[in-house]
């Protein structure tokens, strides 16, 4: 996918990212895929260890704790307790936020 293309509702897949990097840098697709896989593995391992992962200009990954709470089963209306748990959280950085603030005409 080229930057000039504007496709509403388009999903960019890992394979397409690999292709884009291949076109821009000329690296092998196999090596690019390995780097992407390793990148995500490092992020996941860091989150498992409770690390705060900051990618300047992009955003921050962290794990937050959601406290136990009471909810309702929408089908039965029955009250259920949702246990305390840890959830991954992403907070976009300033540059990423700026992209989404552009006006759509």
PDB file of N, CA and C in Angstrom:
ATOM      1  N   UNK A   1       0.844  -1.188   0.000  1.00  0.00           N
ATOM      2  CA  UNK A   1       0.000   0.000   0.000  1.00  0.00           C
ATOM      3  C   UNK A   1       0.877   1.235   0.000  1.00  0.00           C
ATOM      4  N   UNK A   2       0.646   2.139  -0.883  1.00  0.00           N
ATOM      5  CA  UNK A   2       1.397   3.384  -0.970  1.00  0.00           C
ATOM      6  C   UNK A   2       0.740   4.439  -0.090  1.00  0.00           C
ATOM      7  N   UNK A   3       1.560   5.384   0.422  1.00  0.00           N
ATOM      8  CA  UNK A   3       1.029   6.424   1.303  1.00  0.00           C
ATOM      9  C   UNK A   3      -0.032   7.275   0.615  1.00  0.00           C
ATOM     10  N   UNK A   4       0.066   7.440  -0.685  1.00  0.00           N
ATOM     11  CA  UNK A   4      -0.873   8.289  -1.402  1.00  0.00           C
ATOM     12  C   UNK A   4      -2.259   7.652  -1.510  1.00  0.00           C
ATOM     13  N   UNK A   5      -2.332   6.323  -1.322  1.00  0.00           N
ATOM     14  CA  UNK A   5      -3.625   5.652  -1.400  1.00  0.00           C
ATOM     15  C   UNK A   5      -4.439   5.952  -0.144  1.00  0.00           C
ATOM     16  N   UNK A   6      -5.697   6.246  -0.348  1.00  0.00           N
ATOM     17  CA  UNK A   6      -6.585   6.456   0.791  1.00  0.00           C
ATOM     18  C   UNK A   6      -7.739   5.492   0.652  1.00  0.00           C
ATOM     19  N   UNK A   7      -7.749   4.491   1.514  1.00  0.00           N
ATOM     20  CA  UNK A   7      -8.786   3.475   1.453  1.00  0.00           C
ATOM     21  C   UNK A   7      -9.534   3.488   2.773  1.00  0.00           C
ATOM     22  N   UNK A   8     -10.799   3.842   2.733  1.00  0.00           N
ATOM     23  CA  UNK A   8     -11.600   3.925   3.944  1.00  0.00           C
ATOM     24  C   UNK A   8     -11.835   2.532   4.518  1.00  0.00           C
ATOM     25  N   UNK A   9     -11.584   2.363   5.821  1.00  0.00           N
ATOM     26  CA  UNK A   9     -11.834   1.099   6.479  1.00  0.00           C
ATOM     27  C   UNK A   9     -10.801   0.032   6.168  1.00  0.00           C
ATOM     28  N   UNK A  10      -9.665   0.399   5.639  1.00  0.00           N
ATOM     29  CA  UNK A  10      -8.641  -0.553   5.230  1.00  0.00           C
ATOM     30  C   UNK A  10      -7.874  -1.065   6.439  1.00  0.00           C
ATOM     31  N   UNK A  11      -7.580  -2.359   6.469  1.00  0.00           N
ATOM     32  CA  UNK A  11      -6.789  -2.966   7.532  1.00  0.00           C
ATOM     33  C   UNK A  11      -5.414  -3.275   6.965  1.00  0.00           C
ATOM     34  N   UNK A  12      -4.376  -2.800   7.614  1.00  0.00           N
ATOM     35  CA  UNK A  12      -3.006  -3.053   7.192  1.00  0.00           C
ATOM     36  C   UNK A  12      -2.506  -4.293   7.923  1.00  0.00           C
ATOM     37  N   UNK A  13      -2.153  -5.331   7.184  1.00  0.00           N
ATOM     38  CA  UNK A  13      -1.723  -6.590   7.788  1.00  0.00           C
ATOM     39  C   UNK A  13      -0.205  -6.641   7.937  1.00  0.00           C
ATOM     40  N   UNK A  14       0.256  -7.610   8.719  1.00  0.00           N
ATOM     41  CA  UNK A  14       1.695  -7.806   8.894  1.00  0.00           C
ATOM     42  C   UNK A  14       2.352  -8.069   7.543  1.00  0.00           C
ATOM     43  N   UNK A  15       1.727  -8.877   6.694  1.00  0.00           N
ATOM     44  CA  UNK A  15       2.287  -9.187   5.375  1.00  0.00           C
ATOM     45  C   UNK A  15       2.441  -7.925   4.533  1.00  0.00           C
ATOM     46  N   UNK A  16       1.495  -7.021   4.631  1.00  0.00           N
ATOM     47  CA  UNK A  16       1.578  -5.765   3.880  1.00  0.00           C
ATOM     48  C   UNK A  16       2.662  -4.854   4.435  1.00  0.00           C
ATOM     49  N   UNK A  17       2.863  -4.876   5.744  1.00  0.00           N
ATOM     50  CA  UNK A  17       3.949  -4.109   6.344  1.00  0.00           C
ATOM     51  C   UNK A  17       5.287  -4.664   5.872  1.00  0.00           C
ATOM     52  N   UNK A  18       5.403  -5.988   5.866  1.00  0.00           N
ATOM     53  CA  UNK A  18       6.622  -6.634   5.372  1.00  0.00           C
ATOM     54  C   UNK A  18       6.886  -6.208   3.927  1.00  0.00           C
ATOM     55  N   UNK A  19       5.865  -6.217   3.108  1.00  0.00           N
ATOM     56  CA  UNK A  19       5.995  -5.821   1.700  1.00  0.00           C
ATOM     57  C   UNK A  19       6.456  -4.369   1.578  1.00  0.00           C
ATOM     58  N   UNK A  20       5.862  -3.487   2.363  1.00  0.00           N
ATOM     59  CA  UNK A  20       6.205  -2.056   2.331  1.00  0.00           C
ATOM     60  C   UNK A  20       7.662  -1.839   2.731  1.00  0.00           C
ATOM     61  N   UNK A  21       8.106  -2.497   3.793  1.00  0.00           N
ATOM     62  CA  UNK A  21       9.503  -2.370   4.226  1.00  0.00           C
ATOM     63  C   UNK A  21      10.431  -2.936   3.157  1.00  0.00           C
ATOM     64  N   UNK A  22      10.046  -4.041   2.550  1.00  0.00           N
ATOM     65  CA  UNK A  22      10.835  -4.639   1.470  1.00  0.00           C
ATOM     66  C   UNK A  22      11.014  -3.658   0.316  1.00  0.00           C
ATOM     67  N   UNK A  23       9.923  -2.978  -0.072  1.00  0.00           N
ATOM     68  CA  UNK A  23       9.987  -2.008  -1.166  1.00  0.00           C
ATOM     69  C   UNK A  23      10.862  -0.810  -0.817  1.00  0.00           C
ATOM     70  N   UNK A  24      10.798  -0.370   0.428  1.00  0.00           N
ATOM     71  CA  UNK A  24      11.553   0.827   0.834  1.00  0.00           C
ATOM     72  C   UNK A  24      13.023   0.553   1.100  1.00  0.00           C
ATOM     73  N   UNK A  25      13.328  -0.608   1.697  1.00  0.00           N
ATOM     74  CA  UNK A  25      14.704  -0.871   2.118  1.00  0.00           C
ATOM     75  C   UNK A  25      15.404  -1.978   1.330  1.00  0.00           C
ATOM     76  N   UNK A  26      14.642  -2.789   0.628  1.00  0.00           N
ATOM     77  CA  UNK A  26      15.250  -3.852  -0.151  1.00  0.00           C
ATOM     78  C   UNK A  26      15.745  -5.037   0.661  1.00  0.00           C
ATOM     79  N   UNK A  27      15.359  -5.117   1.926  1.00  0.00           N
ATOM     80  CA  UNK A  27      15.728  -6.266   2.751  1.00  0.00           C
ATOM     81  C   UNK A  27      14.864  -7.453   2.353  1.00  0.00           C
ATOM     82  N   UNK A  28      15.295  -8.653   2.696  1.00  0.00           N
ATOM     83  CA  UNK A  28      14.486  -9.821   2.358  1.00  0.00           C
ATOM     84  C   UNK A  28      13.220  -9.846   3.216  1.00  0.00           C
ATOM     85  N   UNK A  29      12.159 -10.356   2.633  1.00  0.00           N
ATOM     86  CA  UNK A  29      10.884 -10.434   3.357  1.00  0.00           C
ATOM     87  C   UNK A  29      11.005 -11.331   4.581  1.00  0.00           C
ATOM     88  N   UNK A  30      11.790 -12.395   4.456  1.00  0.00           N
ATOM     89  CA  UNK A  30      11.985 -13.316   5.576  1.00  0.00           C
ATOM     90  C   UNK A  30      12.649 -12.602   6.750  1.00  0.00           C
ATOM     91  N   UNK A  31      13.692 -11.810   6.471  1.00  0.00           N
ATOM     92  CA  UNK A  31      14.383 -11.073   7.538  1.00  0.00           C
ATOM     93  C   UNK A  31      13.481 -10.013   8.158  1.00  0.00           C
ATOM     94  N   UNK A  32      12.715  -9.334   7.329  1.00  0.00           N
ATOM     95  CA  UNK A  32      11.795  -8.307   7.832  1.00  0.00           C
ATOM     96  C   UNK A  32      10.757  -8.938   8.752  1.00  0.00           C
ATOM     97  N   UNK A  33      10.182 -10.054   8.342  1.00  0.00           N
ATOM     98  CA  UNK A  33       9.177 -10.745   9.156  1.00  0.00           C
ATOM     99  C   UNK A  33       9.774 -11.182  10.487  1.00  0.00           C
ATOM    100  N   UNK A  34      11.017 -11.659  10.468  1.00  0.00           N
ATOM    101  CA  UNK A  34      11.690 -12.070  11.712  1.00  0.00           C
ATOM    102  C   UNK A  34      11.895 -10.881  12.641  1.00  0.00           C
ATOM    103  N   UNK A  35      12.266  -9.732  12.093  1.00  0.00           N
ATOM    104  CA  UNK A  35      12.457  -8.526  12.911  1.00  0.00           C
ATOM    105  C   UNK A  35      11.129  -8.093  13.524  1.00  0.00           C
ATOM    106  N   UNK A  36      10.068  -8.093  12.738  1.00  0.00           N
ATOM    107  CA  UNK A  36       8.750  -7.699  13.255  1.00  0.00           C
ATOM    108  C   UNK A  36       8.305  -8.657  14.352  1.00  0.00           C
ATOM    109  N   UNK A  37       8.462  -9.958  14.123  1.00  0.00           N
ATOM    110  CA  UNK A  37       8.099 -10.948  15.141  1.00  0.00           C
ATOM    111  C   UNK A  37       8.892 -10.740  16.419  1.00  0.00           C
ATOM    112  N   UNK A  38      10.179 -10.499  16.290  1.00  0.00           N
ATOM    113  CA  UNK A  38      11.035 -10.285  17.457  1.00  0.00           C
ATOM    114  C   UNK A  38      10.649  -9.004  18.191  1.00  0.00           C
ATOM    115  N   UNK A  39      10.333  -7.962  17.445  1.00  0.00           N
ATOM    116  CA  UNK A  39       9.905  -6.691  18.031  1.00  0.00           C
ATOM    117  C   UNK A  39       8.688  -6.900  18.937  1.00  0.00           C
ATOM    118  N   UNK A  40       7.687  -7.606  18.420  1.00  0.00           N
ATOM    119  CA  UNK A  40       6.485  -7.845  19.221  1.00  0.00           C
ATOM    120  C   UNK A  40       6.747  -8.802  20.381  1.00  0.00           C
ATOM    121  N   UNK A  41       7.617  -9.759  20.179  1.00  0.00           N
ATOM    122  CA  UNK A  41       7.979 -10.677  21.261  1.00  0.00           C
ATOM    123  C   UNK A  41       8.636  -9.913  22.412  1.00  0.00           C
ATOM    124  N   UNK A  42       9.512  -8.977  22.086  1.00  0.00           N
ATOM    125  CA  UNK A  42      10.185  -8.169  23.112  1.00  0.00           C
ATOM    126  C   UNK A  42       9.165  -7.313  23.865  1.00  0.00           C
ATOM    127  N   UNK A  43       8.221  -6.730  23.147  1.00  0.00           N
ATOM    128  CA  UNK A  43       7.173  -5.933  23.807  1.00  0.00           C
ATOM    129  C   UNK A  43       6.339  -6.811  24.732  1.00  0.00           C
ATOM    130  N   UNK A  44       5.919  -7.981  24.245  1.00  0.00           N
ATOM    131  CA  UNK A  44       5.112  -8.889  25.079  1.00  0.00           C
ATOM    132  C   UNK A  44       5.888  -9.334  26.317  1.00  0.00           C
ATOM    133  N   UNK A  45       7.157  -9.690  26.144  1.00  0.00           N
ATOM    134  CA  UNK A  45       7.978 -10.112  27.287  1.00  0.00           C
ATOM    135  C   UNK A  45       8.111  -8.977  28.300  1.00  0.00           C
ATOM    136  N   UNK A  46       8.322  -7.764  27.807  1.00  0.00           N
ATOM    137  CA  UNK A  46       8.422  -6.609  28.701  1.00  0.00           C
ATOM    138  C   UNK A  46       7.149  -6.388  29.489  1.00  0.00           C
ATOM    139  N   UNK A  47       6.004  -6.524  28.827  1.00  0.00           N
ATOM    140  CA  UNK A  47       4.724  -6.354  29.514  1.00  0.00           C
ATOM    141  C   UNK A  47       4.511  -7.444  30.551  1.00  0.00           C
ATOM    142  N   UNK A  48       4.909  -8.676  30.226  1.00  0.00           N
ATOM    143  CA  UNK A  48       4.795  -9.779  31.190  1.00  0.00           C
ATOM    144  C   UNK A  48       5.613  -9.490  32.439  1.00  0.00           C
ATOM    145  N   UNK A  49       6.760  -8.829  32.253  1.00  0.00           N
ATOM    146  CA  UNK A  49       7.647  -8.496  33.374  1.00  0.00           C
ATOM    147  C   UNK A  49       7.230  -7.205  34.083  1.00  0.00           C
ATOM    148  N   UNK A  50       6.136  -6.589  33.620  1.00  0.00           N
ATOM    149  CA  UNK A  50       5.637  -5.369  34.257  1.00  0.00           C
ATOM    150  C   UNK A  50       6.351  -4.107  33.812  1.00  0.00           C
ATOM    151  N   UNK A  51       7.097  -4.195  32.708  1.00  0.00           N
ATOM    152  CA  UNK A  51       7.825  -3.024  32.221  1.00  0.00           C
ATOM    153  C   UNK A  51       6.896  -2.071  31.482  1.00  0.00           C
ATOM    154  N   UNK A  52       7.275  -0.822  31.523  1.00  0.00           N
ATOM    155  CA  UNK A  52       6.601   0.269  30.828  1.00  0.00           C
ATOM    156  C   UNK A  52       7.410   0.483  29.548  1.00  0.00           C
ATOM    157  N   UNK A  53       6.803   0.288  28.367  1.00  0.00           N
ATOM    158  CA  UNK A  53       7.539   0.348  27.107  1.00  0.00           C
ATOM    159  C   UNK A  53       7.164   1.628  26.370  1.00  0.00           C
ATOM    160  N   UNK A  54       8.148   2.506  26.195  1.00  0.00           N
ATOM    161  CA  UNK A  54       7.904   3.794  25.579  1.00  0.00           C
ATOM    162  C   UNK A  54       8.625   3.885  24.242  1.00  0.00           C
ATOM    163  N   UNK A  55       7.858   4.147  23.190  1.00  0.00           N
ATOM    164  CA  UNK A  55       8.408   4.352  21.854  1.00  0.00           C
ATOM    165  C   UNK A  55       8.135   5.810  21.498  1.00  0.00           C
ATOM    166  N   UNK A  56       9.134   6.642  21.677  1.00  0.00           N
ATOM    167  CA  UNK A  56       8.964   8.091  21.470  1.00  0.00           C
ATOM    168  C   UNK A  56       8.379   8.389  20.096  1.00  0.00           C
ATOM    169  N   UNK A  57       7.391   9.280  20.086  1.00  0.00           N
ATOM    170  CA  UNK A  57       6.742   9.661  18.852  1.00  0.00           C
ATOM    171  C   UNK A  57       5.634   8.715  18.430  1.00  0.00           C
ATOM    172  N   UNK A  58       5.581   7.534  19.046  1.00  0.00           N
ATOM    173  CA  UNK A  58       4.547   6.559  18.687  1.00  0.00           C
ATOM    174  C   UNK A  58       3.581   6.358  19.835  1.00  0.00           C
ATOM    175  N   UNK A  59       4.104   5.887  20.980  1.00  0.00           N
ATOM    176  CA  UNK A  59       3.219   5.670  22.109  1.00  0.00           C
ATOM    177  C   UNK A  59       3.858   4.825  23.186  1.00  0.00           C
ATOM    178  N   UNK A  60       3.060   4.501  24.188  1.00  0.00           N
ATOM    179  CA  UNK A  60       3.525   3.760  25.354  1.00  0.00           C
ATOM    180  C   UNK A  60       2.639   2.541  25.576  1.00  0.00           C
ATOM    181  N   UNK A  61       3.295   1.416  25.817  1.00  0.00           N
ATOM    182  CA  UNK A  61       2.606   0.181  26.173  1.00  0.00           C
ATOM    183  C   UNK A  61       2.836  -0.064  27.655  1.00  0.00           C
ATOM    184  N   UNK A  62       1.791  -0.470  28.357  1.00  0.00           N
ATOM    185  CA  UNK A  62       1.939  -0.818  29.763  1.00  0.00           C
ATOM    186  C   UNK A  62       0.818  -1.779  30.153  1.00  0.00           C
ATOM    187  N   UNK A  63       0.933  -2.329  31.336  1.00  0.00           N
ATOM    188  CA  UNK A  63      -0.112  -3.198  31.865  1.00  0.00           C
ATOM    189  C   UNK A  63      -0.774  -2.461  33.015  1.00  0.00           C
ATOM    190  N   UNK A  64      -2.090  -2.376  32.964  1.00  0.00           N
ATOM    191  CA  UNK A  64      -2.846  -1.729  34.036  1.00  0.00           C
ATOM    192  C   UNK A  64      -3.661  -2.791  34.757  1.00  0.00           C
ATOM    193  N   UNK A  65      -3.964  -2.514  36.009  1.00  0.00           N
ATOM    194  CA  UNK A  65      -4.780  -3.426  36.801  1.00  0.00           C
ATOM    195  C   UNK A  65      -6.203  -2.891  36.851  1.00  0.00           C
ATOM    196  N   UNK A  66      -7.130  -3.728  36.451  1.00  0.00           N
ATOM    197  CA  UNK A  66      -8.547  -3.380  36.575  1.00  0.00           C
ATOM    198  C   UNK A  66      -9.053  -4.035  37.850  1.00  0.00           C
ATOM    199  N   UNK A  67      -9.640  -3.229  38.703  1.00  0.00           N
ATOM    200  CA  UNK A  67     -10.152  -3.723  39.975  1.00  0.00           C
ATOM    201  C   UNK A  67     -11.383  -4.602  39.756  1.00  0.00           C
ATOM    202  N   UNK A  68     -11.655  -5.429  40.755  1.00  0.00           N
ATOM    203  CA  UNK A  68     -12.859  -6.256  40.721  1.00  0.00           C
ATOM    204  C   UNK A  68     -14.074  -5.337  40.648  1.00  0.00           C
ATOM    205  N   UNK A  69     -15.064  -5.755  39.875  1.00  0.00           N
ATOM    206  CA  UNK A  69     -16.266  -4.923  39.750  1.00  0.00           C
ATOM    207  C   UNK A  69     -17.488  -5.802  39.537  1.00  0.00           C
ATOM    208  N   UNK A  70     -18.616  -5.193  39.737  1.00  0.00           N
ATOM    209  CA  UNK A  70     -19.872  -5.901  39.526  1.00  0.00           C
ATOM    210  C   UNK A  70     -20.420  -5.499  38.162  1.00  0.00           C
ATOM    211  N   UNK A  71     -20.892  -6.478  37.411  1.00  0.00           N
ATOM    212  CA  UNK A  71     -21.471  -6.227  36.094  1.00  0.00           C
ATOM    213  C   UNK A  71     -22.759  -7.029  35.960  1.00  0.00           C
ATOM    214  N   UNK A  72     -23.424  -6.864  34.857  1.00  0.00           N
ATOM    215  CA  UNK A  72     -24.663  -7.588  34.615  1.00  0.00           C
ATOM    216  C   UNK A  72     -24.536  -8.425  33.358  1.00  0.00           C
ATOM    217  N   UNK A  73     -25.064  -9.635  33.426  1.00  0.00           N
ATOM    218  CA  UNK A  73     -25.152 -10.493  32.254  1.00  0.00           C
ATOM    219  C   UNK A  73     -26.267  -9.909  31.396  1.00  0.00           C
ATOM    220  N   UNK A  74     -25.960  -9.446  30.174  1.00  0.00           N
ATOM    221  CA  UNK A  74     -26.989  -8.784  29.365  1.00  0.00           C
ATOM    222  C   UNK A  74     -28.140  -9.707  28.958  1.00  0.00           C
ATOM    223  N   UNK A  75     -27.870 -10.987  28.914  1.00  0.00           N
ATOM    224  CA  UNK A  75     -28.910 -11.944  28.501  1.00  0.00           C
ATOM    225  C   UNK A  75     -29.913 -12.203  29.624  1.00  0.00           C
ATOM    226  N   UNK A  76     -29.382 -12.391  30.853  1.00  0.00           N
ATOM    227  CA  UNK A  76     -30.253 -12.761  31.978  1.00  0.00           C
ATOM    228  C   UNK A  76     -30.517 -11.618  32.939  1.00  0.00           C
ATOM    229  N   UNK A  77     -29.677 -10.586  32.886  1.00  0.00           N
ATOM    230  CA  UNK A  77     -29.813  -9.482  33.831  1.00  0.00           C
ATOM    231  C   UNK A  77     -29.213  -9.802  35.184  1.00  0.00           C
ATOM    232  N   UNK A  78     -28.665 -11.008  35.312  1.00  0.00           N
ATOM    233  CA  UNK A  78     -28.075 -11.456  36.573  1.00  0.00           C
ATOM    234  C   UNK A  78     -26.796 -10.670  36.867  1.00  0.00           C
ATOM    235  N   UNK A  79     -26.613 -10.332  38.130  1.00  0.00           N
ATOM    236  CA  UNK A  79     -25.408  -9.623  38.572  1.00  0.00           C
ATOM    237  C   UNK A  79     -24.257 -10.631  38.699  1.00  0.00           C
ATOM    238  N   UNK A  80     -23.103 -10.270  38.136  1.00  0.00           N
ATOM    239  CA  UNK A  80     -21.922 -11.131  38.213  1.00  0.00           C
ATOM    240  C   UNK A  80     -20.722 -10.306  38.646  1.00  0.00           C
ATOM    241  N   UNK A  81     -19.770 -10.968  39.285  1.00  0.00           N
ATOM    242  CA  UNK A  81     -18.553 -10.287  39.721  1.00  0.00           C
ATOM    243  C   UNK A  81     -17.469 -10.547  38.680  1.00  0.00           C
ATOM    244  N   UNK A  82     -16.887  -9.457  38.168  1.00  0.00           N
ATOM    245  CA  UNK A  82     -15.771  -9.557  37.244  1.00  0.00           C
ATOM    246  C   UNK A  82     -14.516  -9.428  38.102  1.00  0.00           C
ATOM    247  N   UNK A  83     -13.677 -10.461  38.135  1.00  0.00           N
ATOM    248  CA  UNK A  83     -12.514 -10.435  39.023  1.00  0.00           C
ATOM    249  C   UNK A  83     -11.458  -9.401  38.615  1.00  0.00           C
ATOM    250  N   UNK A  84     -10.642  -9.043  39.590  1.00  0.00           N
ATOM    251  CA  UNK A  84      -9.511  -8.143  39.360  1.00  0.00           C
ATOM    252  C   UNK A  84      -8.595  -8.808  38.336  1.00  0.00           C
ATOM    253  N   UNK A  85      -8.086  -7.999  37.380  1.00  0.00           N
ATOM    254  CA  UNK A  85      -7.204  -8.579  36.372  1.00  0.00           C
ATOM    255  C   UNK A  85      -6.270  -7.515  35.799  1.00  0.00           C
ATOM    256  N   UNK A  86      -5.233  -8.010  35.137  1.00  0.00           N
ATOM    257  CA  UNK A  86      -4.278  -7.119  34.474  1.00  0.00           C
ATOM    258  C   UNK A  86      -4.598  -7.098  32.988  1.00  0.00           C
ATOM    259  N   UNK A  87      -4.558  -5.907  32.389  1.00  0.00           N
ATOM    260  CA  UNK A  87      -4.867  -5.768  30.971  1.00  0.00           C
ATOM    261  C   UNK A  87      -3.802  -4.921  30.282  1.00  0.00           C
ATOM    262  N   UNK A  88      -3.444  -5.271  29.028  1.00  0.00           N
ATOM    263  CA  UNK A  88      -2.498  -4.439  28.293  1.00  0.00           C
ATOM    264  C   UNK A  88      -3.167  -3.121  27.903  1.00  0.00           C
ATOM    265  N   UNK A  89      -2.373  -2.068  27.877  1.00  0.00           N
ATOM    266  CA  UNK A  89      -2.894  -0.732  27.595  1.00  0.00           C
ATOM    267  C   UNK A  89      -1.914  -0.011  26.685  1.00  0.00           C
ATOM    268  N   UNK A  90      -2.438   0.695  25.688  1.00  0.00           N
ATOM    269  CA  UNK A  90      -1.606   1.497  24.796  1.00  0.00           C
ATOM    270  C   UNK A  90      -2.063   2.937  24.850  1.00  0.00           C
ATOM    271  N   UNK A  91      -1.112   3.834  25.054  1.00  0.00           N
ATOM    272  CA  UNK A  91      -1.404   5.273  25.070  1.00  0.00           C
ATOM    273  C   UNK A  91      -0.638   5.905  23.910  1.00  0.00           C
ATOM    274  N   UNK A  92      -1.328   6.456  22.912  1.00  0.00           N
ATOM    275  CA  UNK A  92      -0.628   7.043  21.765  1.00  0.00           C
ATOM    276  C   UNK A  92       0.198   8.265  22.160  1.00  0.00           C
ATOM    277  N   UNK A  93       1.326   8.439  21.470  1.00  0.00           N
ATOM    278  CA  UNK A  93       2.196   9.591  21.701  1.00  0.00           C
ATOM    279  C   UNK A  93       1.673  10.822  20.968  1.00  0.00           C
ATOM    280  N   UNK A  94       2.348  11.955  21.189  1.00  0.00           N
ATOM    281  CA  UNK A  94       1.915  13.223  20.605  1.00  0.00           C
ATOM    282  C   UNK A  94       1.842  13.180  19.085  1.00  0.00           C
ATOM    283  N   UNK A  95       2.867  12.606  18.449  1.00  0.00           N
ATOM    284  CA  UNK A  95       2.882  12.569  16.990  1.00  0.00           C
ATOM    285  C   UNK A  95       1.767  11.696  16.429  1.00  0.00           C
ATOM    286  N   UNK A  96       1.494  10.590  17.085  1.00  0.00           N
ATOM    287  CA  UNK A  96       0.417   9.709  16.637  1.00  0.00           C
ATOM    288  C   UNK A  96      -0.940  10.372  16.848  1.00  0.00           C
ATOM    289  N   UNK A  97      -1.102  11.069  17.957  1.00  0.00           N
ATOM    290  CA  UNK A  97      -2.351  11.793  18.217  1.00  0.00           C
ATOM    291  C   UNK A  97      -2.567  12.881  17.172  1.00  0.00           C
ATOM    292  N   UNK A  98      -1.472  13.558  16.771  1.00  0.00           N
ATOM    293  CA  UNK A  98      -1.574  14.638  15.790  1.00  0.00           C
ATOM    294  C   UNK A  98      -2.107  14.126  14.456  1.00  0.00           C
ATOM    295  N   UNK A  99      -1.750  12.909  14.073  1.00  0.00           N
ATOM    296  CA  UNK A  99      -2.248  12.333  12.817  1.00  0.00           C
ATOM    297  C   UNK A  99      -3.752  12.172  12.869  1.00  0.00           C
ATOM    298  N   UNK A 100      -4.266  11.706  13.999  1.00  0.00           N
ATOM    299  CA  UNK A 100      -5.707  11.463  14.099  1.00  0.00           C
ATOM    300  C   UNK A 100      -6.511  12.733  14.292  1.00  0.00           C
ATOM    301  N   UNK A 101      -5.844  13.842  14.602  1.00  0.00           N
ATOM    302  CA  UNK A 101      -6.571  15.108  14.799  1.00  0.00           C
ATOM    303  C   UNK A 101      -6.768  15.882  13.510  1.00  0.00           C
ATOM    304  N   UNK A 102      -6.155  15.402  12.413  1.00  0.00           N
ATOM    305  CA  UNK A 102      -6.342  16.086  11.132  1.00  0.00           C
ATOM    306  C   UNK A 102      -7.808  16.048  10.743  1.00  0.00           C
ATOM    307  N   UNK A 103      -8.293  17.161  10.215  1.00  0.00           N
ATOM    308  CA  UNK A 103      -9.691  17.251   9.820  1.00  0.00           C
ATOM    309  C   UNK A 103      -9.965  16.374   8.600  1.00  0.00           C
ATOM    310  N   UNK A 104     -11.116  15.726   8.623  1.00  0.00           N
ATOM    311  CA  UNK A 104     -11.554  14.917   7.493  1.00  0.00           C
ATOM    312  C   UNK A 104     -12.566  15.730   6.710  1.00  0.00           C
ATOM    313  N   UNK A 105     -12.300  15.877   5.452  1.00  0.00           N
ATOM    314  CA  UNK A 105     -13.211  16.675   4.613  1.00  0.00           C
ATOM    315  C   UNK A 105     -14.000  15.806   3.695  1.00  0.00           C
TER     316      UNK A 105
END
